[in-house]
Amino acid sequence: MEEEAETEEQRFSYQQRLKAAVHYTVGCLCEEVALDKEMQFSKQTIAAISELTFRQCENFAKDLEMFARHAKRTTINTEDVKLLARRSNSLLKYITDKSEEIAQINLERKAQKKKKSEDGGKNSREPAEAGVVESEN
């Protein structure tokens, strides 16, 4: 019983930290919009947007989990995310484009690794490439 109560307390603490992070982020975004549009957001408005955002993210997480479970998987993949975004054409297009871009990059890296392994270390003095990909926003 004590372990169960402790686990519940940890879950609540984690949820509160997530809510605080969402609230902070929404506050920063509202501040940017306020400066750009020369308007103000009340604290109540920021709190309401934060709460709605957090609840929507909870719903998204549950939906993604259900999509993966329905497919008899324990891991959420890009197809689950695309299914979630199906009602927003622009979001679905963005996710699809990014998914294809990442897949292409992965194919190129795989081909480079294969080529290097086939070379058998002939060029072992060359510096290794960093595996960092910058997102284009």
N, C-alpha and C. Protein backbone atom coordinates (compact mmCIF):
# COMPACT_ATOMS: atom_id res chain seq x y z
N MET A 1 0.82 -1.21 0.00
CA MET A 1 0.00 0.00 0.00
C MET A 1 0.86 1.27 0.00
N GLU A 2 1.96 1.25 0.76
CA GLU A 2 2.82 2.42 0.80
C GLU A 2 3.46 2.68 -0.56
N GLU A 3 3.88 1.60 -1.24
CA GLU A 3 4.50 1.76 -2.56
C GLU A 3 3.51 2.36 -3.54
N GLU A 4 2.25 1.92 -3.46
CA GLU A 4 1.21 2.43 -4.35
C GLU A 4 0.98 3.92 -4.11
N ALA A 5 0.94 4.33 -2.85
CA ALA A 5 0.74 5.74 -2.52
C ALA A 5 1.94 6.57 -2.97
N GLU A 6 3.13 6.01 -2.80
CA GLU A 6 4.35 6.71 -3.22
C GLU A 6 4.39 6.87 -4.74
N THR A 7 3.99 5.83 -5.47
CA THR A 7 3.95 5.89 -6.92
C THR A 7 2.95 6.93 -7.39
N GLU A 8 1.79 6.97 -6.75
CA GLU A 8 0.76 7.96 -7.10
C GLU A 8 1.26 9.37 -6.82
N GLU A 9 1.97 9.55 -5.72
CA GLU A 9 2.52 10.85 -5.37
C GLU A 9 3.57 11.29 -6.40
N GLN A 10 4.41 10.36 -6.86
CA GLN A 10 5.41 10.66 -7.88
C GLN A 10 4.74 11.03 -9.20
N ARG A 11 3.69 10.31 -9.56
CA ARG A 11 2.95 10.59 -10.79
C ARG A 11 2.34 11.99 -10.73
N PHE A 12 1.76 12.34 -9.58
CA PHE A 12 1.15 13.65 -9.40
C PHE A 12 2.22 14.74 -9.50
N SER A 13 3.37 14.52 -8.88
CA SER A 13 4.46 15.48 -8.91
C SER A 13 4.97 15.68 -10.33
N TYR A 14 5.09 14.58 -11.07
CA TYR A 14 5.54 14.65 -12.46
C TYR A 14 4.53 15.42 -13.30
N GLN A 15 3.25 15.15 -13.08
CA GLN A 15 2.20 15.84 -13.82
C GLN A 15 2.22 17.34 -13.52
N GLN A 16 2.45 17.71 -12.29
CA GLN A 16 2.50 19.12 -11.92
C GLN A 16 3.69 19.81 -12.59
N ARG A 17 4.82 19.12 -12.68
CA ARG A 17 5.98 19.70 -13.35
C ARG A 17 5.71 19.88 -14.85
N LEU A 18 5.03 18.89 -15.45
CA LEU A 18 4.66 19.02 -16.86
C LEU A 18 3.71 20.20 -17.08
N LYS A 19 2.73 20.32 -16.20
CA LYS A 19 1.78 21.44 -16.32
C LYS A 19 2.50 22.77 -16.18
N ALA A 20 3.46 22.84 -15.27
CA ALA A 20 4.22 24.08 -15.09
C ALA A 20 5.03 24.39 -16.35
N ALA A 21 5.61 23.38 -16.96
CA ALA A 21 6.39 23.59 -18.19
C ALA A 21 5.48 24.06 -19.33
N VAL A 22 4.31 23.47 -19.44
CA VAL A 22 3.35 23.89 -20.48
C VAL A 22 2.92 25.33 -20.22
N HIS A 23 2.63 25.65 -18.97
CA HIS A 23 2.20 27.00 -18.61
C HIS A 23 3.29 28.02 -18.96
N TYR A 24 4.53 27.69 -18.64
CA TYR A 24 5.64 28.58 -18.95
C TYR A 24 5.76 28.80 -20.45
N THR A 25 5.68 27.71 -21.22
CA THR A 25 5.81 27.80 -22.67
C THR A 25 4.67 28.61 -23.28
N VAL A 26 3.45 28.36 -22.82
CA VAL A 26 2.30 29.13 -23.32
C VAL A 26 2.49 30.61 -22.97
N GLY A 27 2.96 30.88 -21.77
CA GLY A 27 3.21 32.27 -21.37
C GLY A 27 4.21 32.95 -22.29
N CYS A 28 5.29 32.23 -22.63
CA CYS A 28 6.30 32.78 -23.55
C CYS A 28 5.71 33.04 -24.93
N LEU A 29 4.93 32.09 -25.42
CA LEU A 29 4.30 32.25 -26.73
C LEU A 29 3.31 33.42 -26.74
N CYS A 30 2.53 33.53 -25.67
CA CYS A 30 1.58 34.65 -25.58
C CYS A 30 2.31 35.98 -25.52
N GLU A 31 3.44 36.00 -24.85
CA GLU A 31 4.24 37.22 -24.77
C GLU A 31 4.76 37.62 -26.16
N GLU A 32 5.22 36.63 -26.93
CA GLU A 32 5.68 36.91 -28.29
C GLU A 32 4.54 37.46 -29.16
N VAL A 33 3.38 36.83 -29.08
CA VAL A 33 2.23 37.27 -29.86
C VAL A 33 1.81 38.67 -29.42
N ALA A 34 1.83 38.90 -28.11
CA ALA A 34 1.44 40.21 -27.58
C ALA A 34 2.35 41.31 -28.12
N LEU A 35 3.65 41.04 -28.18
CA LEU A 35 4.58 42.04 -28.71
C LEU A 35 4.37 42.24 -30.20
N ASP A 36 4.15 41.15 -30.91
CA ASP A 36 3.98 41.22 -32.37
C ASP A 36 2.67 41.91 -32.75
N LYS A 37 1.60 41.62 -32.03
CA LYS A 37 0.27 42.14 -32.39
C LYS A 37 -0.15 43.34 -31.55
N GLU A 38 0.75 43.77 -30.68
CA GLU A 38 0.48 44.92 -29.81
C GLU A 38 -0.82 44.74 -29.03
N MET A 39 -0.90 43.63 -28.32
CA MET A 39 -2.07 43.34 -27.48
C MET A 39 -1.59 42.68 -26.20
N GLN A 40 -2.49 42.49 -25.27
CA GLN A 40 -2.15 41.90 -23.98
C GLN A 40 -2.98 40.65 -23.74
N PHE A 41 -2.41 39.70 -22.99
CA PHE A 41 -3.13 38.51 -22.54
C PHE A 41 -3.22 38.56 -21.03
N SER A 42 -4.42 38.34 -20.49
CA SER A 42 -4.56 38.32 -19.04
C SER A 42 -3.98 37.01 -18.49
N LYS A 43 -3.67 37.01 -17.22
CA LYS A 43 -3.15 35.79 -16.57
C LYS A 43 -4.16 34.66 -16.66
N GLN A 44 -5.44 35.00 -16.56
CA GLN A 44 -6.50 33.99 -16.64
C GLN A 44 -6.55 33.37 -18.04
N THR A 45 -6.35 34.20 -19.05
CA THR A 45 -6.35 33.70 -20.43
C THR A 45 -5.18 32.74 -20.65
N ILE A 46 -4.00 33.13 -20.18
CA ILE A 46 -2.82 32.27 -20.31
C ILE A 46 -3.04 30.96 -19.57
N ALA A 47 -3.63 31.04 -18.38
CA ALA A 47 -3.90 29.82 -17.61
C ALA A 47 -4.90 28.92 -18.32
N ALA A 48 -5.92 29.52 -18.93
CA ALA A 48 -6.92 28.73 -19.65
C ALA A 48 -6.31 28.06 -20.88
N ILE A 49 -5.51 28.79 -21.63
CA ILE A 49 -4.84 28.21 -22.80
C ILE A 49 -3.91 27.09 -22.36
N SER A 50 -3.21 27.30 -21.27
CA SER A 50 -2.30 26.27 -20.75
C SER A 50 -3.05 25.00 -20.37
N GLU A 51 -4.16 25.15 -19.68
CA GLU A 51 -4.94 23.99 -19.25
C GLU A 51 -5.51 23.24 -20.46
N LEU A 52 -6.04 23.98 -21.43
CA LEU A 52 -6.57 23.35 -22.64
C LEU A 52 -5.47 22.61 -23.40
N THR A 53 -4.31 23.23 -23.50
CA THR A 53 -3.18 22.61 -24.19
C THR A 53 -2.76 21.33 -23.50
N PHE A 54 -2.68 21.36 -22.18
CA PHE A 54 -2.27 20.17 -21.42
C PHE A 54 -3.29 19.05 -21.61
N ARG A 55 -4.56 19.38 -21.51
CA ARG A 55 -5.60 18.35 -21.69
C ARG A 55 -5.57 17.77 -23.09
N GLN A 56 -5.36 18.62 -24.10
CA GLN A 56 -5.31 18.13 -25.48
C GLN A 56 -4.10 17.21 -25.66
N CYS A 57 -2.98 17.55 -25.07
CA CYS A 57 -1.80 16.68 -25.15
C CYS A 57 -2.05 15.34 -24.47
N GLU A 58 -2.76 15.35 -23.35
CA GLU A 58 -3.14 14.09 -22.69
C GLU A 58 -4.00 13.24 -23.62
N ASN A 59 -4.96 13.88 -24.28
CA ASN A 59 -5.83 13.15 -25.21
C ASN A 59 -5.02 12.60 -26.39
N PHE A 60 -4.09 13.39 -26.90
CA PHE A 60 -3.24 12.93 -27.99
C PHE A 60 -2.43 11.71 -27.55
N ALA A 61 -1.86 11.78 -26.36
CA ALA A 61 -1.05 10.66 -25.86
C ALA A 61 -1.88 9.39 -25.73
N LYS A 62 -3.09 9.52 -25.21
CA LYS A 62 -3.96 8.35 -25.07
C LYS A 62 -4.34 7.79 -26.44
N ASP A 63 -4.66 8.67 -27.39
CA ASP A 63 -5.00 8.22 -28.74
C ASP A 63 -3.82 7.50 -29.39
N LEU A 64 -2.63 8.07 -29.28
CA LEU A 64 -1.45 7.43 -29.87
C LEU A 64 -1.20 6.06 -29.26
N GLU A 65 -1.38 5.97 -27.95
CA GLU A 65 -1.21 4.68 -27.27
C GLU A 65 -2.23 3.67 -27.78
N MET A 66 -3.45 4.09 -27.96
CA MET A 66 -4.49 3.20 -28.46
C MET A 66 -4.24 2.76 -29.91
N PHE A 67 -3.75 3.68 -30.74
CA PHE A 67 -3.45 3.32 -32.12
C PHE A 67 -2.37 2.23 -32.17
N ALA A 68 -1.33 2.41 -31.37
CA ALA A 68 -0.25 1.41 -31.34
C ALA A 68 -0.76 0.09 -30.77
N ARG A 69 -1.54 0.17 -29.72
CA ARG A 69 -2.08 -1.06 -29.11
C ARG A 69 -2.99 -1.79 -30.09
N HIS A 70 -3.80 -1.06 -30.83
CA HIS A 70 -4.69 -1.67 -31.82
C HIS A 70 -3.88 -2.43 -32.88
N ALA A 71 -2.70 -1.89 -33.21
CA ALA A 71 -1.83 -2.54 -34.19
C ALA A 71 -0.95 -3.61 -33.54
N LYS A 72 -1.25 -3.92 -32.28
CA LYS A 72 -0.51 -4.93 -31.51
C LYS A 72 0.98 -4.58 -31.39
N ARG A 73 1.24 -3.30 -31.15
CA ARG A 73 2.60 -2.82 -30.94
C ARG A 73 2.68 -2.16 -29.57
N THR A 74 3.89 -2.10 -29.05
CA THR A 74 4.09 -1.39 -27.79
C THR A 74 4.80 -0.05 -28.00
N THR A 75 5.17 0.21 -29.25
CA THR A 75 5.88 1.45 -29.58
C THR A 75 5.04 2.28 -30.55
N ILE A 76 4.94 3.56 -30.25
CA ILE A 76 4.23 4.49 -31.14
C ILE A 76 5.18 4.84 -32.28
N ASN A 77 4.67 4.82 -33.52
CA ASN A 77 5.51 5.15 -34.66
C ASN A 77 4.89 6.30 -35.47
N THR A 78 5.54 6.64 -36.57
CA THR A 78 5.08 7.79 -37.36
C THR A 78 3.70 7.56 -37.97
N GLU A 79 3.38 6.33 -38.27
CA GLU A 79 2.04 6.06 -38.82
C GLU A 79 0.95 6.40 -37.81
N ASP A 80 1.22 6.17 -36.53
CA ASP A 80 0.26 6.54 -35.48
C ASP A 80 0.10 8.05 -35.42
N VAL A 81 1.21 8.77 -35.54
CA VAL A 81 1.16 10.24 -35.49
C VAL A 81 0.40 10.77 -36.70
N LYS A 82 0.64 10.17 -37.87
CA LYS A 82 -0.09 10.59 -39.07
C LYS A 82 -1.58 10.35 -38.91
N LEU A 83 -1.94 9.23 -38.31
CA LEU A 83 -3.35 8.92 -38.08
C LEU A 83 -3.97 9.96 -37.14
N LEU A 84 -3.23 10.36 -36.13
CA LEU A 84 -3.71 11.37 -35.20
C LEU A 84 -3.92 12.72 -35.90
N ALA A 85 -3.04 13.04 -36.85
CA ALA A 85 -3.09 14.34 -37.52
C ALA A 85 -3.98 14.35 -38.76
N ARG A 86 -4.69 13.29 -39.02
CA ARG A 86 -5.43 13.14 -40.28
C ARG A 86 -6.49 14.22 -40.49
N ARG A 87 -6.97 14.86 -39.45
CA ARG A 87 -8.04 15.85 -39.60
C ARG A 87 -7.52 17.24 -39.97
N SER A 88 -6.22 17.41 -39.86
CA SER A 88 -5.60 18.69 -40.23
C SER A 88 -4.70 18.44 -41.43
N ASN A 89 -5.18 18.83 -42.61
CA ASN A 89 -4.43 18.57 -43.84
C ASN A 89 -3.04 19.17 -43.81
N SER A 90 -2.90 20.41 -43.33
CA SER A 90 -1.59 21.05 -43.32
C SER A 90 -0.64 20.35 -42.34
N LEU A 91 -1.14 19.95 -41.18
CA LEU A 91 -0.31 19.24 -40.21
C LEU A 91 0.08 17.87 -40.73
N LEU A 92 -0.87 17.18 -41.35
CA LEU A 92 -0.58 15.86 -41.91
C LEU A 92 0.47 15.97 -43.00
N LYS A 93 0.37 16.98 -43.85
CA LYS A 93 1.36 17.18 -44.92
C LYS A 93 2.73 17.46 -44.32
N TYR A 94 2.78 18.30 -43.31
CA TYR A 94 4.05 18.64 -42.66
C TYR A 94 4.69 17.38 -42.05
N ILE A 95 3.90 16.61 -41.33
CA ILE A 95 4.42 15.39 -40.69
C ILE A 95 4.87 14.39 -41.74
N THR A 96 4.12 14.24 -42.79
CA THR A 96 4.48 13.31 -43.87
C THR A 96 5.78 13.75 -44.53
N ASP A 97 5.91 15.03 -44.83
CA ASP A 97 7.13 15.55 -45.45
C ASP A 97 8.34 15.33 -44.55
N LYS A 98 8.19 15.65 -43.28
CA LYS A 98 9.30 15.47 -42.33
C LYS A 98 9.67 13.99 -42.19
N SER A 99 8.67 13.14 -42.15
CA SER A 99 8.90 11.70 -42.04
C SER A 99 9.69 11.19 -43.25
N GLU A 100 9.31 11.63 -44.43
CA GLU A 100 10.02 11.23 -45.65
C GLU A 100 11.44 11.79 -45.67
N GLU A 101 11.59 13.01 -45.20
CA GLU A 101 12.92 13.63 -45.14
C GLU A 101 13.84 12.84 -44.20
N ILE A 102 13.34 12.48 -43.05
CA ILE A 102 14.12 11.71 -42.08
C ILE A 102 14.45 10.33 -42.63
N ALA A 103 13.49 9.70 -43.29
CA ALA A 103 13.72 8.38 -43.89
C ALA A 103 14.82 8.47 -44.93
N GLN A 104 14.82 9.52 -45.75
CA GLN A 104 15.85 9.70 -46.78
C GLN A 104 17.22 9.88 -46.14
N ILE A 105 17.29 10.68 -45.09
CA ILE A 105 18.56 10.91 -44.38
C ILE A 105 19.07 9.59 -43.80
N ASN A 106 18.17 8.81 -43.22
CA ASN A 106 18.57 7.52 -42.65
C ASN A 106 19.09 6.58 -43.72
N LEU A 107 18.45 6.57 -44.89
CA LEU A 107 18.91 5.72 -46.00
C LEU A 107 20.31 6.14 -46.44
N GLU A 108 20.55 7.44 -46.54
CA GLU A 108 21.85 7.95 -46.94
C GLU A 108 22.92 7.56 -45.92
N ARG A 109 22.62 7.68 -44.65
CA ARG A 109 23.57 7.30 -43.60
C ARG A 109 23.88 5.81 -43.66
N LYS A 110 22.83 5.02 -43.87
CA LYS A 110 23.01 3.57 -43.96
C LYS A 110 23.92 3.22 -45.14
N ALA A 111 23.72 3.89 -46.27
CA ALA A 111 24.55 3.65 -47.44
C ALA A 111 25.99 4.06 -47.18
N GLN A 112 26.19 5.17 -46.48
CA GLN A 112 27.54 5.63 -46.15
C GLN A 112 28.24 4.63 -45.24
N LYS A 113 27.52 4.12 -44.23
CA LYS A 113 28.10 3.14 -43.32
C LYS A 113 28.47 1.86 -44.07
N LYS A 114 27.59 1.44 -44.98
CA LYS A 114 27.86 0.24 -45.74
C LYS A 114 29.09 0.43 -46.62
N LYS A 115 29.20 1.61 -47.24
CA LYS A 115 30.33 1.91 -48.09
C LYS A 115 31.62 1.91 -47.28
N LYS A 116 31.58 2.51 -46.09
CA LYS A 116 32.76 2.55 -45.23
C LYS A 116 33.17 1.14 -44.80
N SER A 117 32.20 0.29 -44.47
CA SER A 117 32.53 -1.07 -44.04
C SER A 117 33.09 -1.89 -45.20
N GLU A 118 32.62 -1.60 -46.42
CA GLU A 118 33.15 -2.30 -47.60
C GLU A 118 34.57 -1.85 -47.91
N ASP A 119 34.89 -0.59 -47.62
CA ASP A 119 36.24 -0.08 -47.85
C ASP A 119 37.24 -0.76 -46.92
N GLY A 120 36.74 -1.30 -45.85
CA GLY A 120 37.60 -2.05 -44.93
C GLY A 120 38.59 -1.20 -44.17
N GLY A 121 38.25 0.03 -43.94
CA GLY A 121 39.13 0.86 -43.13
C GLY A 121 40.30 1.43 -43.92
N LYS A 122 40.22 1.47 -45.24
CA LYS A 122 41.29 2.02 -46.06
C LYS A 122 41.55 3.47 -45.70
N ASN A 123 40.48 4.19 -45.42
CA ASN A 123 40.59 5.62 -45.09
C ASN A 123 40.35 5.84 -43.61
N SER A 124 40.98 5.07 -42.77
CA SER A 124 40.70 5.13 -41.33
C SER A 124 41.19 6.42 -40.69
N ARG A 125 42.00 7.21 -41.41
CA ARG A 125 42.51 8.47 -40.85
C ARG A 125 41.52 9.62 -40.99
N GLU A 126 40.44 9.43 -41.78
CA GLU A 126 39.45 10.48 -41.97
C GLU A 126 38.64 10.67 -40.69
N PRO A 127 38.35 11.92 -40.33
CA PRO A 127 37.54 12.15 -39.12
C PRO A 127 36.12 11.64 -39.31
N ALA A 128 35.55 11.14 -38.23
CA ALA A 128 34.17 10.65 -38.26
C ALA A 128 33.21 11.84 -38.37
N GLU A 129 32.12 11.64 -39.13
CA GLU A 129 31.12 12.69 -39.27
C GLU A 129 30.21 12.73 -38.07
N ALA A 130 29.81 13.92 -37.69
CA ALA A 130 28.85 14.06 -36.59
C ALA A 130 27.48 13.69 -37.12
N GLY A 131 26.71 12.97 -36.34
CA GLY A 131 25.39 12.52 -36.76
C GLY A 131 24.27 13.44 -36.35
N VAL A 132 24.47 14.74 -36.51
CA VAL A 132 23.47 15.72 -36.08
C VAL A 132 22.76 16.26 -37.30
N VAL A 133 21.44 16.27 -37.26
CA VAL A 133 20.63 16.81 -38.33
C VAL A 133 19.87 18.00 -37.76
N GLU A 134 19.99 19.15 -38.43
CA GLU A 134 19.25 20.32 -37.97
C GLU A 134 17.88 20.34 -38.60
N SER A 135 16.89 20.71 -37.82
CA SER A 135 15.54 20.80 -38.37
C SER A 135 15.38 22.14 -39.07
N GLU A 136 14.61 22.13 -40.13
CA GLU A 136 14.38 23.35 -40.90
C GLU A 136 13.02 23.91 -40.53
N ASN A 137 13.03 24.99 -39.78
CA ASN A 137 11.77 25.62 -39.37
C ASN A 137 11.65 26.96 -39.97
